[in-house]
Amino acid sequence: MALGLLVEVRNGTVQGVRLDSRVATGDLSDCFKMYFDTDGTHKPRYRLVYRYQPDEVNAVSIEAVGVGERADLAVYRSISARLGRGADRR
């Protein structure tokens, strides 16, 4: 499912919501989020975070930065730590 979403982003048929910099998640302002895995009765269970490389204007590729459950901002914190963006871990 996540790979299919990235293909749709590449093709220009969908675009995620731009993230920003927050104390709880760190600076993810170069990333976008999309939700998936919904059955129509509940909120989507998973979040896909991606970014354009080298940047949105000069994009050569789309990088999946993280995929994970939406609960407790877990995927954002994992991404921040991996990218060295300094999320507050309170």
PDB file of N, CA and C in Angstrom:
ATOM      1  N   MET A   1       0.802  -1.195   0.000  1.00  0.00           N
ATOM      2  CA  MET A   1       0.000   0.000   0.000  1.00  0.00           C
ATOM      3  C   MET A   1       0.852   1.270   0.000  1.00  0.00           C
ATOM      4  N   ALA A   2       1.858   1.317   0.851  1.00  0.00           N
ATOM      5  CA  ALA A   2       2.708   2.504   0.934  1.00  0.00           C
ATOM      6  C   ALA A   2       3.447   2.728  -0.381  1.00  0.00           C
ATOM      7  N   LEU A   3       3.932   1.666  -0.987  1.00  0.00           N
ATOM      8  CA  LEU A   3       4.639   1.795  -2.261  1.00  0.00           C
ATOM      9  C   LEU A   3       3.703   2.338  -3.339  1.00  0.00           C
ATOM     10  N   GLY A   4       2.481   1.855  -3.342  1.00  0.00           N
ATOM     11  CA  GLY A   4       1.487   2.357  -4.294  1.00  0.00           C
ATOM     12  C   GLY A   4       1.232   3.845  -4.123  1.00  0.00           C
ATOM     13  N   LEU A   5       1.206   4.309  -2.880  1.00  0.00           N
ATOM     14  CA  LEU A   5       1.029   5.740  -2.621  1.00  0.00           C
ATOM     15  C   LEU A   5       2.202   6.548  -3.166  1.00  0.00           C
ATOM     16  N   LEU A   6       3.413   6.029  -2.995  1.00  0.00           N
ATOM     17  CA  LEU A   6       4.590   6.732  -3.524  1.00  0.00           C
ATOM     18  C   LEU A   6       4.545   6.825  -5.050  1.00  0.00           C
ATOM     19  N   VAL A   7       4.049   5.790  -5.689  1.00  0.00           N
ATOM     20  CA  VAL A   7       3.903   5.819  -7.149  1.00  0.00           C
ATOM     21  C   VAL A   7       2.902   6.905  -7.541  1.00  0.00           C
ATOM     22  N   GLU A   8       1.799   7.006  -6.793  1.00  0.00           N
ATOM     23  CA  GLU A   8       0.807   8.044  -7.077  1.00  0.00           C
ATOM     24  C   GLU A   8       1.385   9.445  -6.861  1.00  0.00           C
ATOM     25  N   VAL A   9       2.219   9.610  -5.843  1.00  0.00           N
ATOM     26  CA  VAL A   9       2.882  10.900  -5.612  1.00  0.00           C
ATOM     27  C   VAL A   9       3.789  11.217  -6.795  1.00  0.00           C
ATOM     28  N   ARG A  10       4.577  10.235  -7.212  1.00  0.00           N
ATOM     29  CA  ARG A  10       5.483  10.435  -8.352  1.00  0.00           C
ATOM     30  C   ARG A  10       4.714  10.831  -9.610  1.00  0.00           C
ATOM     31  N   ASN A  11       3.549  10.201  -9.800  1.00  0.00           N
ATOM     32  CA  ASN A  11       2.740  10.478 -10.985  1.00  0.00           C
ATOM     33  C   ASN A  11       1.956  11.783 -10.876  1.00  0.00           C
ATOM     34  N   GLY A  12       1.961  12.388  -9.696  1.00  0.00           N
ATOM     35  CA  GLY A  12       1.253  13.648  -9.505  1.00  0.00           C
ATOM     36  C   GLY A  12      -0.235  13.517  -9.272  1.00  0.00           C
ATOM     37  N   THR A  13      -0.711  12.297  -9.007  1.00  0.00           N
ATOM     38  CA  THR A  13      -2.148  12.110  -8.791  1.00  0.00           C
ATOM     39  C   THR A  13      -2.576  12.381  -7.354  1.00  0.00           C
ATOM     40  N   VAL A  14      -1.649  12.327  -6.416  1.00  0.00           N
ATOM     41  CA  VAL A  14      -1.929  12.675  -5.019  1.00  0.00           C
ATOM     42  C   VAL A  14      -0.727  13.411  -4.443  1.00  0.00           C
ATOM     43  N   GLN A  15      -0.972  14.148  -3.376  1.00  0.00           N
ATOM     44  CA  GLN A  15       0.120  14.789  -2.644  1.00  0.00           C
ATOM     45  C   GLN A  15      -0.246  14.769  -1.174  1.00  0.00           C
ATOM     46  N   GLY A  16       0.754  14.522  -0.354  1.00  0.00           N
ATOM     47  CA  GLY A  16       0.531  14.514   1.082  1.00  0.00           C
ATOM     48  C   GLY A  16       0.471  15.916   1.651  1.00  0.00           C
ATOM     49  N   VAL A  17       0.290  15.969   2.955  1.00  0.00           N
ATOM     50  CA  VAL A  17       0.243  17.229   3.688  1.00  0.00           C
ATOM     51  C   VAL A  17       1.644  17.540   4.201  1.00  0.00           C
ATOM     52  N   ARG A  18       2.104  18.768   3.977  1.00  0.00           N
ATOM     53  CA  ARG A  18       3.444  19.159   4.427  1.00  0.00           C
ATOM     54  C   ARG A  18       3.492  19.172   5.949  1.00  0.00           C
ATOM     55  N   LEU A  19       4.580  18.627   6.485  1.00  0.00           N
ATOM     56  CA  LEU A  19       4.819  18.654   7.927  1.00  0.00           C
ATOM     57  C   LEU A  19       5.557  19.932   8.293  1.00  0.00           C
ATOM     58  N   ASP A  20       5.723  20.153   9.589  1.00  0.00           N
ATOM     59  CA  ASP A  20       6.424  21.347  10.049  1.00  0.00           C
ATOM     60  C   ASP A  20       7.367  20.976  11.183  1.00  0.00           C
ATOM     61  N   SER A  21       7.846  21.959  11.869  1.00  0.00           N
ATOM     62  CA  SER A  21       8.757  21.732  12.991  1.00  0.00           C
ATOM     63  C   SER A  21       7.979  21.878  14.285  1.00  0.00           C
ATOM     64  N   ARG A  22       8.032  20.839  15.111  1.00  0.00           N
ATOM     65  CA  ARG A  22       7.337  20.856  16.399  1.00  0.00           C
ATOM     66  C   ARG A  22       8.253  20.298  17.470  1.00  0.00           C
ATOM     67  N   VAL A  23       8.022  20.723  18.682  1.00  0.00           N
ATOM     68  CA  VAL A  23       8.838  20.257  19.799  1.00  0.00           C
ATOM     69  C   VAL A  23       8.749  18.741  19.923  1.00  0.00           C
ATOM     70  N   ALA A  24       7.564  18.186  19.805  1.00  0.00           N
ATOM     71  CA  ALA A  24       7.366  16.752  20.022  1.00  0.00           C
ATOM     72  C   ALA A  24       7.923  15.880  18.906  1.00  0.00           C
ATOM     73  N   THR A  25       8.059  16.434  17.706  1.00  0.00           N
ATOM     74  CA  THR A  25       8.466  15.599  16.572  1.00  0.00           C
ATOM     75  C   THR A  25       9.754  16.039  15.894  1.00  0.00           C
ATOM     76  N   GLY A  26      10.287  17.180  16.246  1.00  0.00           N
ATOM     77  CA  GLY A  26      11.478  17.684  15.578  1.00  0.00           C
ATOM     78  C   GLY A  26      11.122  18.376  14.275  1.00  0.00           C
ATOM     79  N   ASP A  27      12.123  18.814  13.545  1.00  0.00           N
ATOM     80  CA  ASP A  27      11.906  19.547  12.299  1.00  0.00           C
ATOM     81  C   ASP A  27      11.735  18.578  11.139  1.00  0.00           C
ATOM     82  N   LEU A  28      10.502  18.421  10.709  1.00  0.00           N
ATOM     83  CA  LEU A  28      10.198  17.568   9.560  1.00  0.00           C
ATOM     84  C   LEU A  28       9.589  18.406   8.437  1.00  0.00           C
ATOM     85  N   SER A  29       9.981  19.672   8.377  1.00  0.00           N
ATOM     86  CA  SER A  29       9.373  20.609   7.433  1.00  0.00           C
ATOM     87  C   SER A  29       9.692  20.306   5.967  1.00  0.00           C
ATOM     88  N   ASP A  30      10.638  19.426   5.707  1.00  0.00           N
ATOM     89  CA  ASP A  30      10.920  19.026   4.328  1.00  0.00           C
ATOM     90  C   ASP A  30      10.187  17.740   3.953  1.00  0.00           C
ATOM     91  N   CYS A  31       9.293  17.286   4.831  1.00  0.00           N
ATOM     92  CA  CYS A  31       8.583  16.021   4.638  1.00  0.00           C
ATOM     93  C   CYS A  31       7.082  16.236   4.467  1.00  0.00           C
ATOM     94  N   PHE A  32       6.437  15.214   3.937  1.00  0.00           N
ATOM     95  CA  PHE A  32       4.990  15.206   3.741  1.00  0.00           C
ATOM     96  C   PHE A  32       4.434  13.933   4.363  1.00  0.00           C
ATOM     97  N   LYS A  33       3.152  13.965   4.768  1.00  0.00           N
ATOM     98  CA  LYS A  33       2.526  12.785   5.358  1.00  0.00           C
ATOM     99  C   LYS A  33       1.287  12.389   4.571  1.00  0.00           C
ATOM    100  N   MET A  34       1.022  11.087   4.597  1.00  0.00           N
ATOM    101  CA  MET A  34      -0.198  10.523   4.032  1.00  0.00           C
ATOM    102  C   MET A  34      -0.635   9.399   4.955  1.00  0.00           C
ATOM    103  N   TYR A  35      -1.942   9.177   5.027  1.00  0.00           N
ATOM    104  CA  TYR A  35      -2.481   8.092   5.845  1.00  0.00           C
ATOM    105  C   TYR A  35      -2.976   6.977   4.939  1.00  0.00           C
ATOM    106  N   PHE A  36      -2.931   5.756   5.457  1.00  0.00           N
ATOM    107  CA  PHE A  36      -3.484   4.638   4.692  1.00  0.00           C
ATOM    108  C   PHE A  36      -3.916   3.520   5.625  1.00  0.00           C
ATOM    109  N   ASP A  37      -4.531   2.510   5.047  1.00  0.00           N
ATOM    110  CA  ASP A  37      -5.068   1.339   5.746  1.00  0.00           C
ATOM    111  C   ASP A  37      -6.300   1.703   6.559  1.00  0.00           C
ATOM    112  N   THR A  38      -7.310   2.150   5.854  1.00  0.00           N
ATOM    113  CA  THR A  38      -8.584   2.431   6.498  1.00  0.00           C
ATOM    114  C   THR A  38      -9.628   1.456   5.975  1.00  0.00           C
ATOM    115  N   ASP A  39     -10.560   1.102   6.840  1.00  0.00           N
ATOM    116  CA  ASP A  39     -11.630   0.204   6.409  1.00  0.00           C
ATOM    117  C   ASP A  39     -12.945   0.959   6.248  1.00  0.00           C
ATOM    118  N   GLY A  40     -12.893   2.274   6.349  1.00  0.00           N
ATOM    119  CA  GLY A  40     -14.086   3.081   6.169  1.00  0.00           C
ATOM    120  C   GLY A  40     -14.844   3.390   7.446  1.00  0.00           C
ATOM    121  N   THR A  41     -14.544   2.679   8.521  1.00  0.00           N
ATOM    122  CA  THR A  41     -15.256   2.917   9.777  1.00  0.00           C
ATOM    123  C   THR A  41     -14.358   3.503  10.853  1.00  0.00           C
ATOM    124  N   HIS A  42     -13.067   3.455  10.656  1.00  0.00           N
ATOM    125  CA  HIS A  42     -12.116   3.945  11.655  1.00  0.00           C
ATOM    126  C   HIS A  42     -11.102   4.876  10.995  1.00  0.00           C
ATOM    127  N   LYS A  43     -10.339   5.558  11.821  1.00  0.00           N
ATOM    128  CA  LYS A  43      -9.242   6.366  11.290  1.00  0.00           C
ATOM    129  C   LYS A  43      -8.196   5.437  10.677  1.00  0.00           C
ATOM    130  N   PRO A  44      -7.471   5.921   9.670  1.00  0.00           N
ATOM    131  CA  PRO A  44      -6.392   5.100   9.102  1.00  0.00           C
ATOM    132  C   PRO A  44      -5.385   4.719  10.185  1.00  0.00           C
ATOM    133  N   ARG A  45      -4.865   3.514  10.087  1.00  0.00           N
ATOM    134  CA  ARG A  45      -3.953   3.020  11.124  1.00  0.00           C
ATOM    135  C   ARG A  45      -2.501   3.395  10.887  1.00  0.00           C
ATOM    136  N   TYR A  46      -2.136   3.690   9.653  1.00  0.00           N
ATOM    137  CA  TYR A  46      -0.727   3.904   9.340  1.00  0.00           C
ATOM    138  C   TYR A  46      -0.485   5.261   8.688  1.00  0.00           C
ATOM    139  N   ARG A  47       0.751   5.697   8.818  1.00  0.00           N
ATOM    140  CA  ARG A  47       1.183   6.979   8.282  1.00  0.00           C
ATOM    141  C   ARG A  47       2.431   6.730   7.430  1.00  0.00           C
ATOM    142  N   LEU A  48       2.446   7.320   6.253  1.00  0.00           N
ATOM    143  CA  LEU A  48       3.611   7.302   5.368  1.00  0.00           C
ATOM    144  C   LEU A  48       4.188   8.709   5.361  1.00  0.00           C
ATOM    145  N   VAL A  49       5.475   8.827   5.603  1.00  0.00           N
ATOM    146  CA  VAL A  49       6.157  10.122   5.553  1.00  0.00           C
ATOM    147  C   VAL A  49       7.200  10.036   4.443  1.00  0.00           C
ATOM    148  N   TYR A  50       7.186  11.020   3.557  1.00  0.00           N
ATOM    149  CA  TYR A  50       8.120  11.024   2.434  1.00  0.00           C
ATOM    150  C   TYR A  50       8.654  12.433   2.216  1.00  0.00           C
ATOM    151  N   ARG A  51       9.718  12.510   1.411  1.00  0.00           N
ATOM    152  CA  ARG A  51      10.265  13.808   1.019  1.00  0.00           C
ATOM    153  C   ARG A  51      10.827  13.696  -0.385  1.00  0.00           C
ATOM    154  N   TYR A  52      10.942  14.840  -1.019  1.00  0.00           N
ATOM    155  CA  TYR A  52      11.514  14.916  -2.358  1.00  0.00           C
ATOM    156  C   TYR A  52      13.020  15.094  -2.230  1.00  0.00           C
ATOM    157  N   GLN A  53      13.772  14.446  -3.113  1.00  0.00           N
ATOM    158  CA  GLN A  53      15.224  14.557  -3.098  1.00  0.00           C
ATOM    159  C   GLN A  53      15.719  15.128  -4.410  1.00  0.00           C
ATOM    160  N   PRO A  54      16.591  16.108  -4.469  1.00  0.00           N
ATOM    161  CA  PRO A  54      17.225  16.757  -3.333  1.00  0.00           C
ATOM    162  C   PRO A  54      16.307  17.732  -2.610  1.00  0.00           C
ATOM    163  N   ASP A  55      15.269  18.261  -3.285  1.00  0.00           N
ATOM    164  CA  ASP A  55      14.291  19.119  -2.623  1.00  0.00           C
ATOM    165  C   ASP A  55      13.029  19.144  -3.481  1.00  0.00           C
ATOM    166  N   GLU A  56      11.992  19.804  -2.989  1.00  0.00           N
ATOM    167  CA  GLU A  56      10.706  19.790  -3.688  1.00  0.00           C
ATOM    168  C   GLU A  56      10.772  20.442  -5.071  1.00  0.00           C
ATOM    169  N   VAL A  57      11.559  21.474  -5.223  1.00  0.00           N
ATOM    170  CA  VAL A  57      11.648  22.194  -6.496  1.00  0.00           C
ATOM    171  C   VAL A  57      12.460  21.413  -7.525  1.00  0.00           C
ATOM    172  N   ASN A  58      13.567  20.822  -7.106  1.00  0.00           N
ATOM    173  CA  ASN A  58      14.468  20.111  -8.017  1.00  0.00           C
ATOM    174  C   ASN A  58      14.399  18.601  -7.833  1.00  0.00           C
ATOM    175  N   ALA A  59      13.230  18.086  -7.561  1.00  0.00           N
ATOM    176  CA  ALA A  59      13.082  16.672  -7.214  1.00  0.00           C
ATOM    177  C   ALA A  59      13.557  15.751  -8.330  1.00  0.00           C
ATOM    178  N   VAL A  60      14.402  14.816  -7.939  1.00  0.00           N
ATOM    179  CA  VAL A  60      14.866  13.765  -8.824  1.00  0.00           C
ATOM    180  C   VAL A  60      14.229  12.449  -8.396  1.00  0.00           C
ATOM    181  N   SER A  61      13.963  12.342  -7.096  1.00  0.00           N
ATOM    182  CA  SER A  61      13.351  11.130  -6.563  1.00  0.00           C
ATOM    183  C   SER A  61      12.491  11.468  -5.352  1.00  0.00           C
ATOM    184  N   ILE A  62      11.709  10.486  -4.943  1.00  0.00           N
ATOM    185  CA  ILE A  62      10.885  10.595  -3.743  1.00  0.00           C
ATOM    186  C   ILE A  62      11.378   9.539  -2.777  1.00  0.00           C
ATOM    187  N   GLU A  63      11.685   9.956  -1.569  1.00  0.00           N
ATOM    188  CA  GLU A  63      12.232   9.053  -0.555  1.00  0.00           C
ATOM    189  C   GLU A  63      11.193   8.797   0.528  1.00  0.00           C
ATOM    190  N   ALA A  64      10.886   7.529   0.764  1.00  0.00           N
ATOM    191  CA  ALA A  64      10.052   7.169   1.912  1.00  0.00           C
ATOM    192  C   ALA A  64      10.933   7.287   3.143  1.00  0.00           C
ATOM    193  N   VAL A  65      10.613   8.220   4.009  1.00  0.00           N
ATOM    194  CA  VAL A  65      11.426   8.473   5.192  1.00  0.00           C
ATOM    195  C   VAL A  65      10.982   7.581   6.338  1.00  0.00           C
ATOM    196  N   GLY A  66       9.700   7.231   6.370  1.00  0.00           N
ATOM    197  CA  GLY A  66       9.207   6.353   7.417  1.00  0.00           C
ATOM    198  C   GLY A  66       7.782   5.919   7.160  1.00  0.00           C
ATOM    199  N   VAL A  67       7.466   4.738   7.641  1.00  0.00           N
ATOM    200  CA  VAL A  67       6.112   4.199   7.589  1.00  0.00           C
ATOM    201  C   VAL A  67       5.860   3.563   8.936  1.00  0.00           C
ATOM    202  N   GLY A  68       4.726   3.869   9.542  1.00  0.00           N
ATOM    203  CA  GLY A  68       4.435   3.277  10.842  1.00  0.00           C
ATOM    204  C   GLY A  68       3.046   3.607  11.323  1.00  0.00           C
ATOM    205  N   GLU A  69       2.710   3.042  12.462  1.00  0.00           N
ATOM    206  CA  GLU A  69       1.407   3.286  13.057  1.00  0.00           C
ATOM    207  C   GLU A  69       1.286   4.739  13.478  1.00  0.00           C
ATOM    208  N   ARG A  70       0.063   5.241  13.434  1.00  0.00           N
ATOM    209  CA  ARG A  70      -0.193   6.639  13.776  1.00  0.00           C
ATOM    210  C   ARG A  70      -0.100   6.888  15.275  1.00  0.00           C
ATOM    211  N   ALA A  71      -0.306   5.893  16.079  1.00  0.00           N
ATOM    212  CA  ALA A  71      -0.393   6.049  17.532  1.00  0.00           C
ATOM    213  C   ALA A  71       0.818   6.761  18.119  1.00  0.00           C
ATOM    214  N   ASP A  72       0.564   7.740  18.968  1.00  0.00           N
ATOM    215  CA  ASP A  72       1.588   8.421  19.776  1.00  0.00           C
ATOM    216  C   ASP A  72       2.715   9.069  18.970  1.00  0.00           C
ATOM    217  N   LEU A  73       2.453   9.444  17.739  1.00  0.00           N
ATOM    218  CA  LEU A  73       3.464  10.109  16.900  1.00  0.00           C
ATOM    219  C   LEU A  73       4.732   9.278  16.725  1.00  0.00           C
ATOM    220  N   ALA A  74       4.620   7.977  16.896  1.00  0.00           N
ATOM    221  CA  ALA A  74       5.791   7.096  16.903  1.00  0.00           C
ATOM    222  C   ALA A  74       6.627   7.209  15.636  1.00  0.00           C
ATOM    223  N   VAL A  75       5.989   7.228  14.486  1.00  0.00           N
ATOM    224  CA  VAL A  75       6.760   7.275  13.239  1.00  0.00           C
ATOM    225  C   VAL A  75       7.502   8.606  13.113  1.00  0.00           C
ATOM    226  N   TYR A  76       6.905   9.705  13.556  1.00  0.00           N
ATOM    227  CA  TYR A  76       7.586  11.004  13.506  1.00  0.00           C
ATOM    228  C   TYR A  76       8.825  11.007  14.396  1.00  0.00           C
ATOM    229  N   ARG A  77       8.692  10.476  15.579  1.00  0.00           N
ATOM    230  CA  ARG A  77       9.830  10.453  16.511  1.00  0.00           C
ATOM    231  C   ARG A  77      10.960   9.580  15.976  1.00  0.00           C
ATOM    232  N   SER A  78      10.595   8.463  15.387  1.00  0.00           N
ATOM    233  CA  SER A  78      11.593   7.574  14.801  1.00  0.00           C
ATOM    234  C   SER A  78      12.343   8.273  13.663  1.00  0.00           C
ATOM    235  N   ILE A  79      11.607   8.965  12.816  1.00  0.00           N
ATOM    236  CA  ILE A  79      12.215   9.684  11.696  1.00  0.00           C
ATOM    237  C   ILE A  79      13.137  10.786  12.204  1.00  0.00           C
ATOM    238  N   SER A  80      12.664  11.556  13.167  1.00  0.00           N
ATOM    239  CA  SER A  80      13.474  12.646  13.726  1.00  0.00           C
ATOM    240  C   SER A  80      14.788  12.132  14.280  1.00  0.00           C
ATOM    241  N   ALA A  81      14.710  11.029  15.002  1.00  0.00           N
ATOM    242  CA  ALA A  81      15.926  10.451  15.578  1.00  0.00           C
ATOM    243  C   ALA A  81      16.871   9.981  14.477  1.00  0.00           C
ATOM    244  N   ARG A  82      16.332   9.307  13.472  1.00  0.00           N
ATOM    245  CA  ARG A  82      17.154   8.783  12.385  1.00  0.00           C
ATOM    246  C   ARG A  82      17.802   9.907  11.574  1.00  0.00           C
ATOM    247  N   LEU A  83      17.084  11.014  11.397  1.00  0.00           N
ATOM    248  CA  LEU A  83      17.615  12.137  10.626  1.00  0.00           C
ATOM    249  C   LEU A  83      18.414  13.118  11.477  1.00  0.00           C
ATOM    250  N   GLY A  84      18.486  12.855  12.781  1.00  0.00           N
ATOM    251  CA  GLY A  84      19.220  13.741  13.676  1.00  0.00           C
ATOM    252  C   GLY A  84      18.562  15.097  13.842  1.00  0.00           C
ATOM    253  N   ARG A  85      17.241  15.116  13.873  1.00  0.00           N
ATOM    254  CA  ARG A  85      16.491  16.365  13.927  1.00  0.00           C
ATOM    255  C   ARG A  85      16.095  16.794  15.339  1.00  0.00           C
ATOM    256  N   GLY A  86      16.404  16.007  16.362  1.00  0.00           N
ATOM    257  CA  GLY A  86      16.231  16.445  17.739  1.00  0.00           C
ATOM    258  C   GLY A  86      14.834  16.593  18.265  1.00  0.00           C
ATOM    259  N   ALA A  87      13.985  15.588  18.093  1.00  0.00           N
ATOM    260  CA  ALA A  87      12.652  15.639  18.702  1.00  0.00           C
ATOM    261  C   ALA A  87      12.770  15.558  20.212  1.00  0.00           C
ATOM    262  N   ASP A  88      11.913  16.288  20.893  1.00  0.00           N
ATOM    263  CA  ASP A  88      11.844  16.244  22.352  1.00  0.00           C
ATOM    264  C   ASP A  88      11.248  14.902  22.750  1.00  0.00           C
ATOM    265  N   ARG A  89      11.934  14.145  23.571  1.00  0.00           N
ATOM    266  CA  ARG A  89      11.490  12.790  23.934  1.00  0.00           C
ATOM    267  C   ARG A  89      10.840  12.723  25.300  1.00  0.00           C
ATOM    268  N   ARG A  90      10.126  13.751  25.688  1.00  0.00           N
ATOM    269  CA  ARG A  90       9.450  13.744  26.986  1.00  0.00           C
ATOM    270  C   ARG A  90       8.402  12.699  27.073  1.00  0.00           C
TER     271      ARG A  90
END
